[in-house]
Amino acid sequence: MVTRSRLFVGKRQVKNESALKEIRLPEEGELFGRVLKMMGGENVMIKCDDNVTRRGRIRGKLKRRVWIRDNDIVIIAPWDFNESERGDIVWRFTLPQVEWLKDNGHIAKDF
């Protein structure tokens, strides 16, 4: 029996509503970015908030859990080497979370 406080996500995952409402802000060395284009496999083109376009890699942990599409807002962690060209995607925001980020001034309204 499933209570009302749980939501089914896919076939196997069951997350409660509080886990879906969780929001994460970029830590030191991480940036907000918008997915410009899916490049196939685990690679995507991302326009970061520092106006640099990087090729992002969807980490395996995230790839199995979250579906990333064009125009999604993500957090990207640039690599230590090739910092201006490559990075790992560590988080994807849902639409209500993006609205919250815009309302609270974490990202620009036109981002």
PDB file of N, CA and C in Angstrom:
ATOM      1  N   MET A   1       0.834  -1.190   0.000  1.00  0.00           N
ATOM      2  CA  MET A   1       0.000   0.000   0.000  1.00  0.00           C
ATOM      3  C   MET A   1       0.876   1.250   0.000  1.00  0.00           C
ATOM      4  N   VAL A   2       0.537   2.198  -0.837  1.00  0.00           N
ATOM      5  CA  VAL A   2       1.296   3.437  -0.956  1.00  0.00           C
ATOM      6  C   VAL A   2       0.482   4.558  -0.333  1.00  0.00           C
ATOM      7  N   THR A   3       1.118   5.307   0.552  1.00  0.00           N
ATOM      8  CA  THR A   3       0.421   6.426   1.182  1.00  0.00           C
ATOM      9  C   THR A   3       0.442   7.632   0.270  1.00  0.00           C
ATOM     10  N   ARG A   4      -0.322   8.643   0.620  1.00  0.00           N
ATOM     11  CA  ARG A   4      -0.389   9.849  -0.207  1.00  0.00           C
ATOM     12  C   ARG A   4       0.901  10.657  -0.179  1.00  0.00           C
ATOM     13  N   SER A   5       1.771  10.431   0.791  1.00  0.00           N
ATOM     14  CA  SER A   5       2.997  11.220   0.874  1.00  0.00           C
ATOM     15  C   SER A   5       4.080  10.714  -0.065  1.00  0.00           C
ATOM     16  N   ARG A   6       3.786   9.679  -0.860  1.00  0.00           N
ATOM     17  CA  ARG A   6       4.777   9.141  -1.783  1.00  0.00           C
ATOM     18  C   ARG A   6       4.323   9.336  -3.221  1.00  0.00           C
ATOM     19  N   LEU A   7       5.283   9.497  -4.110  1.00  0.00           N
ATOM     20  CA  LEU A   7       5.018   9.634  -5.533  1.00  0.00           C
ATOM     21  C   LEU A   7       5.787   8.563  -6.281  1.00  0.00           C
ATOM     22  N   PHE A   8       5.172   7.980  -7.291  1.00  0.00           N
ATOM     23  CA  PHE A   8       5.876   7.028  -8.126  1.00  0.00           C
ATOM     24  C   PHE A   8       6.607   7.783  -9.222  1.00  0.00           C
ATOM     25  N   VAL A   9       7.880   7.507  -9.394  1.00  0.00           N
ATOM     26  CA  VAL A   9       8.690   8.105 -10.437  1.00  0.00           C
ATOM     27  C   VAL A   9       9.290   6.941 -11.220  1.00  0.00           C
ATOM     28  N   GLY A  10       8.766   6.691 -12.404  1.00  0.00           N
ATOM     29  CA  GLY A  10       9.228   5.554 -13.187  1.00  0.00           C
ATOM     30  C   GLY A  10       8.689   4.254 -12.608  1.00  0.00           C
ATOM     31  N   LYS A  11       9.276   3.144 -12.984  1.00  0.00           N
ATOM     32  CA  LYS A  11       8.789   1.851 -12.527  1.00  0.00           C
ATOM     33  C   LYS A  11       9.284   1.489 -11.141  1.00  0.00           C
ATOM     34  N   ARG A  12      10.535   1.805 -10.841  1.00  0.00           N
ATOM     35  CA  ARG A  12      11.142   1.313  -9.622  1.00  0.00           C
ATOM     36  C   ARG A  12      11.285   2.349  -8.529  1.00  0.00           C
ATOM     37  N   GLN A  13      11.461   3.605  -8.899  1.00  0.00           N
ATOM     38  CA  GLN A  13      11.772   4.603  -7.894  1.00  0.00           C
ATOM     39  C   GLN A  13      10.516   5.131  -7.227  1.00  0.00           C
ATOM     40  N   VAL A  14      10.568   5.208  -5.932  1.00  0.00           N
ATOM     41  CA  VAL A  14       9.514   5.850  -5.170  1.00  0.00           C
ATOM     42  C   VAL A  14      10.185   6.905  -4.313  1.00  0.00           C
ATOM     43  N   LYS A  15       9.797   8.141  -4.540  1.00  0.00           N
ATOM     44  CA  LYS A  15      10.357   9.237  -3.754  1.00  0.00           C
ATOM     45  C   LYS A  15       9.224   9.934  -3.029  1.00  0.00           C
ATOM     46  N   ASN A  16       9.498  10.382  -1.828  1.00  0.00           N
ATOM     47  CA  ASN A  16       8.451  11.135  -1.150  1.00  0.00           C
ATOM     48  C   ASN A  16       8.494  12.587  -1.604  1.00  0.00           C
ATOM     49  N   GLU A  17       7.447  13.327  -1.323  1.00  0.00           N
ATOM     50  CA  GLU A  17       7.319  14.691  -1.842  1.00  0.00           C
ATOM     51  C   GLU A  17       8.406  15.615  -1.335  1.00  0.00           C
ATOM     52  N   SER A  18       8.883  15.397  -0.106  1.00  0.00           N
ATOM     53  CA  SER A  18       9.921  16.279   0.426  1.00  0.00           C
ATOM     54  C   SER A  18      11.225  16.116  -0.353  1.00  0.00           C
ATOM     55  N   ALA A  19      11.530  14.917  -0.844  1.00  0.00           N
ATOM     56  CA  ALA A  19      12.743  14.715  -1.637  1.00  0.00           C
ATOM     57  C   ALA A  19      12.629  15.426  -2.980  1.00  0.00           C
ATOM     58  N   LEU A  20      11.428  15.488  -3.555  1.00  0.00           N
ATOM     59  CA  LEU A  20      11.243  16.164  -4.830  1.00  0.00           C
ATOM     60  C   LEU A  20      11.276  17.681  -4.681  1.00  0.00           C
ATOM     61  N   LYS A  21      10.981  18.197  -3.500  1.00  0.00           N
ATOM     62  CA  LYS A  21      10.989  19.642  -3.278  1.00  0.00           C
ATOM     63  C   LYS A  21      12.367  20.166  -2.911  1.00  0.00           C
ATOM     64  N   GLU A  22      13.311  19.279  -2.652  1.00  0.00           N
ATOM     65  CA  GLU A  22      14.658  19.662  -2.270  1.00  0.00           C
ATOM     66  C   GLU A  22      15.283  20.506  -3.372  1.00  0.00           C
ATOM     67  N   ILE A  23      15.977  21.553  -2.982  1.00  0.00           N
ATOM     68  CA  ILE A  23      16.633  22.411  -3.966  1.00  0.00           C
ATOM     69  C   ILE A  23      18.094  22.565  -3.565  1.00  0.00           C
ATOM     70  N   ARG A  24      18.964  22.606  -4.537  1.00  0.00           N
ATOM     71  CA  ARG A  24      20.396  22.675  -4.294  1.00  0.00           C
ATOM     72  C   ARG A  24      20.945  23.899  -5.000  1.00  0.00           C
ATOM     73  N   LEU A  25      21.768  24.655  -4.317  1.00  0.00           N
ATOM     74  CA  LEU A  25      22.423  25.823  -4.906  1.00  0.00           C
ATOM     75  C   LEU A  25      23.877  25.467  -5.224  1.00  0.00           C
ATOM     76  N   PRO A  26      24.484  26.160  -6.188  1.00  0.00           N
ATOM     77  CA  PRO A  26      25.879  25.850  -6.537  1.00  0.00           C
ATOM     78  C   PRO A  26      26.823  26.105  -5.366  1.00  0.00           C
ATOM     79  N   GLU A  27      27.729  25.170  -5.180  1.00  0.00           N
ATOM     80  CA  GLU A  27      28.758  25.330  -4.172  1.00  0.00           C
ATOM     81  C   GLU A  27      29.957  26.025  -4.803  1.00  0.00           C
ATOM     82  N   GLU A  28      31.047  26.150  -4.071  1.00  0.00           N
ATOM     83  CA  GLU A  28      32.238  26.818  -4.591  1.00  0.00           C
ATOM     84  C   GLU A  28      32.773  26.055  -5.806  1.00  0.00           C
ATOM     85  N   GLY A  29      33.012  26.765  -6.890  1.00  0.00           N
ATOM     86  CA  GLY A  29      33.535  26.155  -8.107  1.00  0.00           C
ATOM     87  C   GLY A  29      32.458  25.606  -9.041  1.00  0.00           C
ATOM     88  N   GLU A  30      31.172  25.748  -8.688  1.00  0.00           N
ATOM     89  CA  GLU A  30      30.080  25.278  -9.534  1.00  0.00           C
ATOM     90  C   GLU A  30      29.322  26.466 -10.112  1.00  0.00           C
ATOM     91  N   LEU A  31      28.664  26.261 -11.257  1.00  0.00           N
ATOM     92  CA  LEU A  31      27.966  27.328 -11.957  1.00  0.00           C
ATOM     93  C   LEU A  31      26.576  26.871 -12.379  1.00  0.00           C
ATOM     94  N   PHE A  32      25.677  27.855 -12.553  1.00  0.00           N
ATOM     95  CA  PHE A  32      24.402  27.572 -13.202  1.00  0.00           C
ATOM     96  C   PHE A  32      24.643  27.505 -14.705  1.00  0.00           C
ATOM     97  N   GLY A  33      23.856  26.714 -15.407  1.00  0.00           N
ATOM     98  CA  GLY A  33      23.961  26.643 -16.855  1.00  0.00           C
ATOM     99  C   GLY A  33      22.632  26.242 -17.461  1.00  0.00           C
ATOM    100  N   ARG A  34      22.474  26.552 -18.759  1.00  0.00           N
ATOM    101  CA  ARG A  34      21.279  26.160 -19.511  1.00  0.00           C
ATOM    102  C   ARG A  34      21.719  25.229 -20.625  1.00  0.00           C
ATOM    103  N   VAL A  35      21.026  24.095 -20.749  1.00  0.00           N
ATOM    104  CA  VAL A  35      21.357  23.117 -21.780  1.00  0.00           C
ATOM    105  C   VAL A  35      20.955  23.689 -23.133  1.00  0.00           C
ATOM    106  N   LEU A  36      21.924  23.808 -24.038  1.00  0.00           N
ATOM    107  CA  LEU A  36      21.659  24.320 -25.379  1.00  0.00           C
ATOM    108  C   LEU A  36      21.315  23.206 -26.355  1.00  0.00           C
ATOM    109  N   LYS A  37      22.059  22.106 -26.277  1.00  0.00           N
ATOM    110  CA  LYS A  37      21.906  21.070 -27.287  1.00  0.00           C
ATOM    111  C   LYS A  37      22.379  19.736 -26.732  1.00  0.00           C
ATOM    112  N   MET A  38      21.599  18.701 -26.999  1.00  0.00           N
ATOM    113  CA  MET A  38      22.005  17.342 -26.664  1.00  0.00           C
ATOM    114  C   MET A  38      22.931  16.856 -27.785  1.00  0.00           C
ATOM    115  N   MET A  39      24.092  16.339 -27.424  1.00  0.00           N
ATOM    116  CA  MET A  39      25.071  15.931 -28.422  1.00  0.00           C
ATOM    117  C   MET A  39      25.149  14.414 -28.584  1.00  0.00           C
ATOM    118  N   GLY A  40      24.338  13.693 -27.882  1.00  0.00           N
ATOM    119  CA  GLY A  40      24.370  12.241 -27.979  1.00  0.00           C
ATOM    120  C   GLY A  40      25.183  11.630 -26.860  1.00  0.00           C
ATOM    121  N   GLY A  41      24.799  10.432 -26.471  1.00  0.00           N
ATOM    122  CA  GLY A  41      25.495   9.778 -25.381  1.00  0.00           C
ATOM    123  C   GLY A  41      25.287  10.538 -24.088  1.00  0.00           C
ATOM    124  N   GLU A  42      26.366  10.843 -23.429  1.00  0.00           N
ATOM    125  CA  GLU A  42      26.277  11.564 -22.162  1.00  0.00           C
ATOM    126  C   GLU A  42      26.747  13.011 -22.278  1.00  0.00           C
ATOM    127  N   ASN A  43      26.896  13.525 -23.497  1.00  0.00           N
ATOM    128  CA  ASN A  43      27.429  14.869 -23.712  1.00  0.00           C
ATOM    129  C   ASN A  43      26.348  15.867 -24.103  1.00  0.00           C
ATOM    130  N   VAL A  44      26.442  17.081 -23.555  1.00  0.00           N
ATOM    131  CA  VAL A  44      25.518  18.166 -23.877  1.00  0.00           C
ATOM    132  C   VAL A  44      26.305  19.475 -23.961  1.00  0.00           C
ATOM    133  N   MET A  45      25.780  20.433 -24.749  1.00  0.00           N
ATOM    134  CA  MET A  45      26.364  21.772 -24.788  1.00  0.00           C
ATOM    135  C   MET A  45      25.613  22.640 -23.797  1.00  0.00           C
ATOM    136  N   ILE A  46      26.350  23.359 -22.964  1.00  0.00           N
ATOM    137  CA  ILE A  46      25.755  24.146 -21.891  1.00  0.00           C
ATOM    138  C   ILE A  46      26.280  25.571 -21.949  1.00  0.00           C
ATOM    139  N   LYS A  47      25.377  26.544 -21.879  1.00  0.00           N
ATOM    140  CA  LYS A  47      25.741  27.959 -21.761  1.00  0.00           C
ATOM    141  C   LYS A  47      25.722  28.297 -20.277  1.00  0.00           C
ATOM    142  N   CYS A  48      26.886  28.570 -19.714  1.00  0.00           N
ATOM    143  CA  CYS A  48      26.998  28.822 -18.276  1.00  0.00           C
ATOM    144  C   CYS A  48      26.715  30.288 -17.961  1.00  0.00           C
ATOM    145  N   ASP A  49      26.487  30.587 -16.673  1.00  0.00           N
ATOM    146  CA  ASP A  49      26.154  31.958 -16.293  1.00  0.00           C
ATOM    147  C   ASP A  49      27.360  32.891 -16.341  1.00  0.00           C
ATOM    148  N   ASP A  50      28.567  32.367 -16.600  1.00  0.00           N
ATOM    149  CA  ASP A  50      29.727  33.234 -16.821  1.00  0.00           C
ATOM    150  C   ASP A  50      29.963  33.477 -18.310  1.00  0.00           C
ATOM    151  N   ASN A  51      28.928  33.228 -19.151  1.00  0.00           N
ATOM    152  CA  ASN A  51      28.925  33.434 -20.601  1.00  0.00           C
ATOM    153  C   ASN A  51      29.964  32.598 -21.344  1.00  0.00           C
ATOM    154  N   VAL A  52      30.283  31.427 -20.821  1.00  0.00           N
ATOM    155  CA  VAL A  52      31.172  30.486 -21.493  1.00  0.00           C
ATOM    156  C   VAL A  52      30.338  29.269 -21.871  1.00  0.00           C
ATOM    157  N   THR A  53      30.490  28.785 -23.103  1.00  0.00           N
ATOM    158  CA  THR A  53      29.794  27.583 -23.546  1.00  0.00           C
ATOM    159  C   THR A  53      30.714  26.394 -23.326  1.00  0.00           C
ATOM    160  N   ARG A  54      30.253  25.445 -22.531  1.00  0.00           N
ATOM    161  CA  ARG A  54      31.048  24.265 -22.201  1.00  0.00           C
ATOM    162  C   ARG A  54      30.350  23.001 -22.677  1.00  0.00           C
ATOM    163  N   ARG A  55      31.136  21.963 -22.881  1.00  0.00           N
ATOM    164  CA  ARG A  55      30.570  20.644 -23.152  1.00  0.00           C
ATOM    165  C   ARG A  55      30.456  19.935 -21.809  1.00  0.00           C
ATOM    166  N   GLY A  56      29.235  19.626 -21.441  1.00  0.00           N
ATOM    167  CA  GLY A  56      28.992  18.987 -20.155  1.00  0.00           C
ATOM    168  C   GLY A  56      28.804  17.496 -20.308  1.00  0.00           C
ATOM    169  N   ARG A  57      29.177  16.774 -19.266  1.00  0.00           N
ATOM    170  CA  ARG A  57      29.017  15.321 -19.240  1.00  0.00           C
ATOM    171  C   ARG A  57      28.027  14.990 -18.140  1.00  0.00           C
ATOM    172  N   ILE A  58      27.031  14.172 -18.479  1.00  0.00           N
ATOM    173  CA  ILE A  58      26.058  13.753 -17.487  1.00  0.00           C
ATOM    174  C   ILE A  58      26.689  12.625 -16.688  1.00  0.00           C
ATOM    175  N   ARG A  59      26.888  12.849 -15.412  1.00  0.00           N
ATOM    176  CA  ARG A  59      27.504  11.838 -14.556  1.00  0.00           C
ATOM    177  C   ARG A  59      26.637  10.589 -14.502  1.00  0.00           C
ATOM    178  N   GLY A  60      27.257   9.444 -14.330  1.00  0.00           N
ATOM    179  CA  GLY A  60      26.544   8.173 -14.303  1.00  0.00           C
ATOM    180  C   GLY A  60      25.474   8.112 -13.241  1.00  0.00           C
ATOM    181  N   LYS A  61      25.754   8.649 -12.061  1.00  0.00           N
ATOM    182  CA  LYS A  61      24.791   8.661 -10.960  1.00  0.00           C
ATOM    183  C   LYS A  61      23.540   9.448 -11.344  1.00  0.00           C
ATOM    184  N   LEU A  62      23.731  10.544 -12.044  1.00  0.00           N
ATOM    185  CA  LEU A  62      22.616  11.383 -12.465  1.00  0.00           C
ATOM    186  C   LEU A  62      21.925  10.810 -13.699  1.00  0.00           C
ATOM    187  N   LYS A  63      22.699  10.209 -14.605  1.00  0.00           N
ATOM    188  CA  LYS A  63      22.159   9.693 -15.860  1.00  0.00           C
ATOM    189  C   LYS A  63      21.112   8.611 -15.621  1.00  0.00           C
ATOM    190  N   ARG A  64      21.305   7.799 -14.586  1.00  0.00           N
ATOM    191  CA  ARG A  64      20.364   6.726 -14.309  1.00  0.00           C
ATOM    192  C   ARG A  64      19.109   7.220 -13.598  1.00  0.00           C
ATOM    193  N   ARG A  65      19.156   8.437 -13.073  1.00  0.00           N
ATOM    194  CA  ARG A  65      18.047   8.932 -12.271  1.00  0.00           C
ATOM    195  C   ARG A  65      17.216  10.034 -12.905  1.00  0.00           C
ATOM    196  N   VAL A  66      17.839  10.899 -13.697  1.00  0.00           N
ATOM    197  CA  VAL A  66      17.186  12.125 -14.164  1.00  0.00           C
ATOM    198  C   VAL A  66      17.290  12.227 -15.684  1.00  0.00           C
ATOM    199  N   TRP A  67      16.217  12.651 -16.321  1.00  0.00           N
ATOM    200  CA  TRP A  67      16.186  12.861 -17.765  1.00  0.00           C
ATOM    201  C   TRP A  67      16.502  14.326 -18.030  1.00  0.00           C
ATOM    202  N   ILE A  68      17.531  14.615 -18.823  1.00  0.00           N
ATOM    203  CA  ILE A  68      17.920  15.995 -19.117  1.00  0.00           C
ATOM    204  C   ILE A  68      17.541  16.309 -20.549  1.00  0.00           C
ATOM    205  N   ARG A  69      16.904  17.484 -20.743  1.00  0.00           N
ATOM    206  CA  ARG A  69      16.428  17.905 -22.066  1.00  0.00           C
ATOM    207  C   ARG A  69      16.964  19.299 -22.391  1.00  0.00           C
ATOM    208  N   ASP A  70      16.739  19.729 -23.646  1.00  0.00           N
ATOM    209  CA  ASP A  70      17.137  21.078 -24.048  1.00  0.00           C
ATOM    210  C   ASP A  70      16.441  22.114 -23.164  1.00  0.00           C
ATOM    211  N   ASN A  71      17.131  23.220 -22.896  1.00  0.00           N
ATOM    212  CA  ASN A  71      16.653  24.367 -22.109  1.00  0.00           C
ATOM    213  C   ASN A  71      16.480  24.080 -20.622  1.00  0.00           C
ATOM    214  N   ASP A  72      16.927  22.939 -20.131  1.00  0.00           N
ATOM    215  CA  ASP A  72      16.899  22.690 -18.687  1.00  0.00           C
ATOM    216  C   ASP A  72      17.971  23.528 -18.012  1.00  0.00           C
ATOM    217  N   ILE A  73      17.691  23.958 -16.791  1.00  0.00           N
ATOM    218  CA  ILE A  73      18.671  24.664 -15.976  1.00  0.00           C
ATOM    219  C   ILE A  73      19.378  23.619 -15.122  1.00  0.00           C
ATOM    220  N   VAL A  74      20.717  23.648 -15.136  1.00  0.00           N
ATOM    221  CA  VAL A  74      21.512  22.649 -14.425  1.00  0.00           C
ATOM    222  C   VAL A  74      22.617  23.338 -13.627  1.00  0.00           C
ATOM    223  N   ILE A  75      23.232  22.580 -12.742  1.00  0.00           N
ATOM    224  CA  ILE A  75      24.463  23.019 -12.087  1.00  0.00           C
ATOM    225  C   ILE A  75      25.595  22.231 -12.725  1.00  0.00           C
ATOM    226  N   ILE A  76      26.639  22.947 -13.142  1.00  0.00           N
ATOM    227  CA  ILE A  76      27.787  22.303 -13.781  1.00  0.00           C
ATOM    228  C   ILE A  76      29.041  22.593 -12.961  1.00  0.00           C
ATOM    229  N   ALA A  77      29.858  21.554 -12.797  1.00  0.00           N
ATOM    230  CA  ALA A  77      31.136  21.686 -12.093  1.00  0.00           C
ATOM    231  C   ALA A  77      32.249  21.586 -13.135  1.00  0.00           C
ATOM    232  N   PRO A  78      32.885  22.719 -13.491  1.00  0.00           N
ATOM    233  CA  PRO A  78      33.964  22.672 -14.479  1.00  0.00           C
ATOM    234  C   PRO A  78      35.100  21.769 -14.002  1.00  0.00           C
ATOM    235  N   TRP A  79      35.720  21.080 -14.949  1.00  0.00           N
ATOM    236  CA  TRP A  79      36.843  20.201 -14.618  1.00  0.00           C
ATOM    237  C   TRP A  79      38.040  21.033 -14.178  1.00  0.00           C
ATOM    238  N   ASP A  80      38.941  20.426 -13.425  1.00  0.00           N
ATOM    239  CA  ASP A  80      40.150  21.125 -12.981  1.00  0.00           C
ATOM    240  C   ASP A  80      41.051  21.472 -14.160  1.00  0.00           C
ATOM    241  N   PHE A  81      41.110  20.594 -15.153  1.00  0.00           N
ATOM    242  CA  PHE A  81      41.831  20.886 -16.388  1.00  0.00           C
ATOM    243  C   PHE A  81      40.772  21.114 -17.464  1.00  0.00           C
ATOM    244  N   ASN A  82      41.074  21.868 -18.485  1.00  0.00           N
ATOM    245  CA  ASN A  82      40.089  22.269 -19.504  1.00  0.00           C
ATOM    246  C   ASN A  82      38.883  22.954 -18.865  1.00  0.00           C
ATOM    247  N   GLU A  83      39.141  23.785 -17.902  1.00  0.00           N
ATOM    248  CA  GLU A  83      38.078  24.422 -17.119  1.00  0.00           C
ATOM    249  C   GLU A  83      37.105  25.228 -17.976  1.00  0.00           C
ATOM    250  N   SER A  84      37.616  25.853 -19.056  1.00  0.00           N
ATOM    251  CA  SER A  84      36.746  26.680 -19.897  1.00  0.00           C
ATOM    252  C   SER A  84      36.049  25.881 -20.992  1.00  0.00           C
ATOM    253  N   GLU A  85      36.330  24.565 -21.079  1.00  0.00           N
ATOM    254  CA  GLU A  85      35.743  23.773 -22.152  1.00  0.00           C
ATOM    255  C   GLU A  85      34.845  22.638 -21.674  1.00  0.00           C
ATOM    256  N   ARG A  86      35.119  22.027 -20.532  1.00  0.00           N
ATOM    257  CA  ARG A  86      34.415  20.824 -20.102  1.00  0.00           C
ATOM    258  C   ARG A  86      33.944  20.947 -18.665  1.00  0.00           C
ATOM    259  N   GLY A  87      32.937  20.128 -18.326  1.00  0.00           N
ATOM    260  CA  GLY A  87      32.447  20.089 -16.961  1.00  0.00           C
ATOM    261  C   GLY A  87      31.470  18.944 -16.761  1.00  0.00           C
ATOM    262  N   ASP A  88      31.172  18.662 -15.520  1.00  0.00           N
ATOM    263  CA  ASP A  88      30.216  17.612 -15.167  1.00  0.00           C
ATOM    264  C   ASP A  88      28.910  18.242 -14.707  1.00  0.00           C
ATOM    265  N   ILE A  89      27.794  17.679 -15.159  1.00  0.00           N
ATOM    266  CA  ILE A  89      26.485  18.125 -14.680  1.00  0.00           C
ATOM    267  C   ILE A  89      26.217  17.408 -13.362  1.00  0.00           C
ATOM    268  N   VAL A  90      25.931  18.180 -12.322  1.00  0.00           N
ATOM    269  CA  VAL A  90      25.723  17.571 -11.011  1.00  0.00           C
ATOM    270  C   VAL A  90      24.286  17.690 -10.516  1.00  0.00           C
ATOM    271  N   TRP A  91      23.468  18.543 -11.149  1.00  0.00           N
ATOM    272  CA  TRP A  91      22.087  18.723 -10.685  1.00  0.00           C
ATOM    273  C   TRP A  91      21.235  19.291 -11.803  1.00  0.00           C
ATOM    274  N   ARG A  92      19.969  18.870 -11.897  1.00  0.00           N
ATOM    275  CA  ARG A  92      19.006  19.451 -12.828  1.00  0.00           C
ATOM    276  C   ARG A  92      17.833  19.978 -12.029  1.00  0.00           C
ATOM    277  N   PHE A  93      17.372  21.180 -12.386  1.00  0.00           N
ATOM    278  CA  PHE A  93      16.255  21.805 -11.689  1.00  0.00           C
ATOM    279  C   PHE A  93      14.945  21.534 -12.412  1.00  0.00           C
ATOM    280  N   THR A  94      13.863  21.374 -11.655  1.00  0.00           N
ATOM    281  CA  THR A  94      12.525  21.255 -12.223  1.00  0.00           C
ATOM    282  C   THR A  94      11.993  22.659 -12.504  1.00  0.00           C
ATOM    283  N   LEU A  95      10.892  22.760 -13.258  1.00  0.00           N
ATOM    284  CA  LEU A  95      10.343  24.080 -13.593  1.00  0.00           C
ATOM    285  C   LEU A  95       9.951  24.891 -12.354  1.00  0.00           C
ATOM    286  N   PRO A  96       9.274  24.324 -11.344  1.00  0.00           N
ATOM    287  CA  PRO A  96       8.973  25.135 -10.152  1.00  0.00           C
ATOM    288  C   PRO A  96      10.234  25.602  -9.429  1.00  0.00           C
ATOM    289  N   GLN A  97      11.281  24.780  -9.436  1.00  0.00           N
ATOM    290  CA  GLN A  97      12.532  25.189  -8.809  1.00  0.00           C
ATOM    291  C   GLN A  97      13.179  26.336  -9.569  1.00  0.00           C
ATOM    292  N   VAL A  98      13.090  26.327 -10.905  1.00  0.00           N
ATOM    293  CA  VAL A  98      13.642  27.419 -11.715  1.00  0.00           C
ATOM    294  C   VAL A  98      12.907  28.713 -11.412  1.00  0.00           C
ATOM    295  N   GLU A  99      11.586  28.650 -11.298  1.00  0.00           N
ATOM    296  CA  GLU A  99      10.811  29.854 -10.947  1.00  0.00           C
ATOM    297  C   GLU A  99      11.229  30.379  -9.584  1.00  0.00           C
ATOM    298  N   TRP A 100      11.443  29.490  -8.628  1.00  0.00           N
ATOM    299  CA  TRP A 100      11.877  29.898  -7.289  1.00  0.00           C
ATOM    300  C   TRP A 100      13.244  30.572  -7.363  1.00  0.00           C
ATOM    301  N   LEU A 101      14.179  30.014  -8.149  1.00  0.00           N
ATOM    302  CA  LEU A 101      15.508  30.604  -8.310  1.00  0.00           C
ATOM    303  C   LEU A 101      15.421  32.001  -8.910  1.00  0.00           C
ATOM    304  N   LYS A 102      14.543  32.180  -9.908  1.00  0.00           N
ATOM    305  CA  LYS A 102      14.375  33.502 -10.532  1.00  0.00           C
ATOM    306  C   LYS A 102      13.741  34.486  -9.567  1.00  0.00           C
ATOM    307  N   ASP A 103      12.731  34.052  -8.825  1.00  0.00           N
ATOM    308  CA  ASP A 103      12.051  34.937  -7.882  1.00  0.00           C
ATOM    309  C   ASP A 103      12.974  35.385  -6.753  1.00  0.00           C
ATOM    310  N   ASN A 104      13.899  34.535  -6.340  1.00  0.00           N
ATOM    311  CA  ASN A 104      14.797  34.853  -5.232  1.00  0.00           C
ATOM    312  C   ASN A 104      16.137  35.423  -5.678  1.00  0.00           C
ATOM    313  N   GLY A 105      16.282  35.698  -6.981  1.00  0.00           N
ATOM    314  CA  GLY A 105      17.460  36.392  -7.476  1.00  0.00           C
ATOM    315  C   GLY A 105      18.719  35.546  -7.619  1.00  0.00           C
ATOM    316  N   HIS A 106      18.593  34.238  -7.626  1.00  0.00           N
ATOM    317  CA  HIS A 106      19.783  33.395  -7.794  1.00  0.00           C
ATOM    318  C   HIS A 106      20.219  33.331  -9.254  1.00  0.00           C
ATOM    319  N   ILE A 107      19.245  33.416 -10.180  1.00  0.00           N
ATOM    320  CA  ILE A 107      19.575  33.492 -11.599  1.00  0.00           C
ATOM    321  C   ILE A 107      18.772  34.643 -12.205  1.00  0.00           C
ATOM    322  N   ALA A 108      19.248  35.151 -13.345  1.00  0.00           N
ATOM    323  CA  ALA A 108      18.580  36.275 -13.994  1.00  0.00           C
ATOM    324  C   ALA A 108      17.231  35.829 -14.560  1.00  0.00           C
ATOM    325  N   LYS A 109      16.283  36.751 -14.635  1.00  0.00           N
ATOM    326  CA  LYS A 109      14.944  36.444 -15.140  1.00  0.00           C
ATOM    327  C   LYS A 109      14.971  35.958 -16.592  1.00  0.00           C
ATOM    328  N   ASP A 110      15.936  36.448 -17.390  1.00  0.00           N
ATOM    329  CA  ASP A 110      16.005  36.067 -18.798  1.00  0.00           C
ATOM    330  C   ASP A 110      17.003  34.945 -19.059  1.00  0.00           C
ATOM    331  N   PHE A 111      17.494  34.296 -18.018  1.00  0.00           N
ATOM    332  CA  PHE A 111      18.496  33.229 -18.171  1.00  0.00           C
ATOM    333  C   PHE A 111      17.863  31.980 -18.736  1.00  0.00           C
TER     334      PHE A 111
END
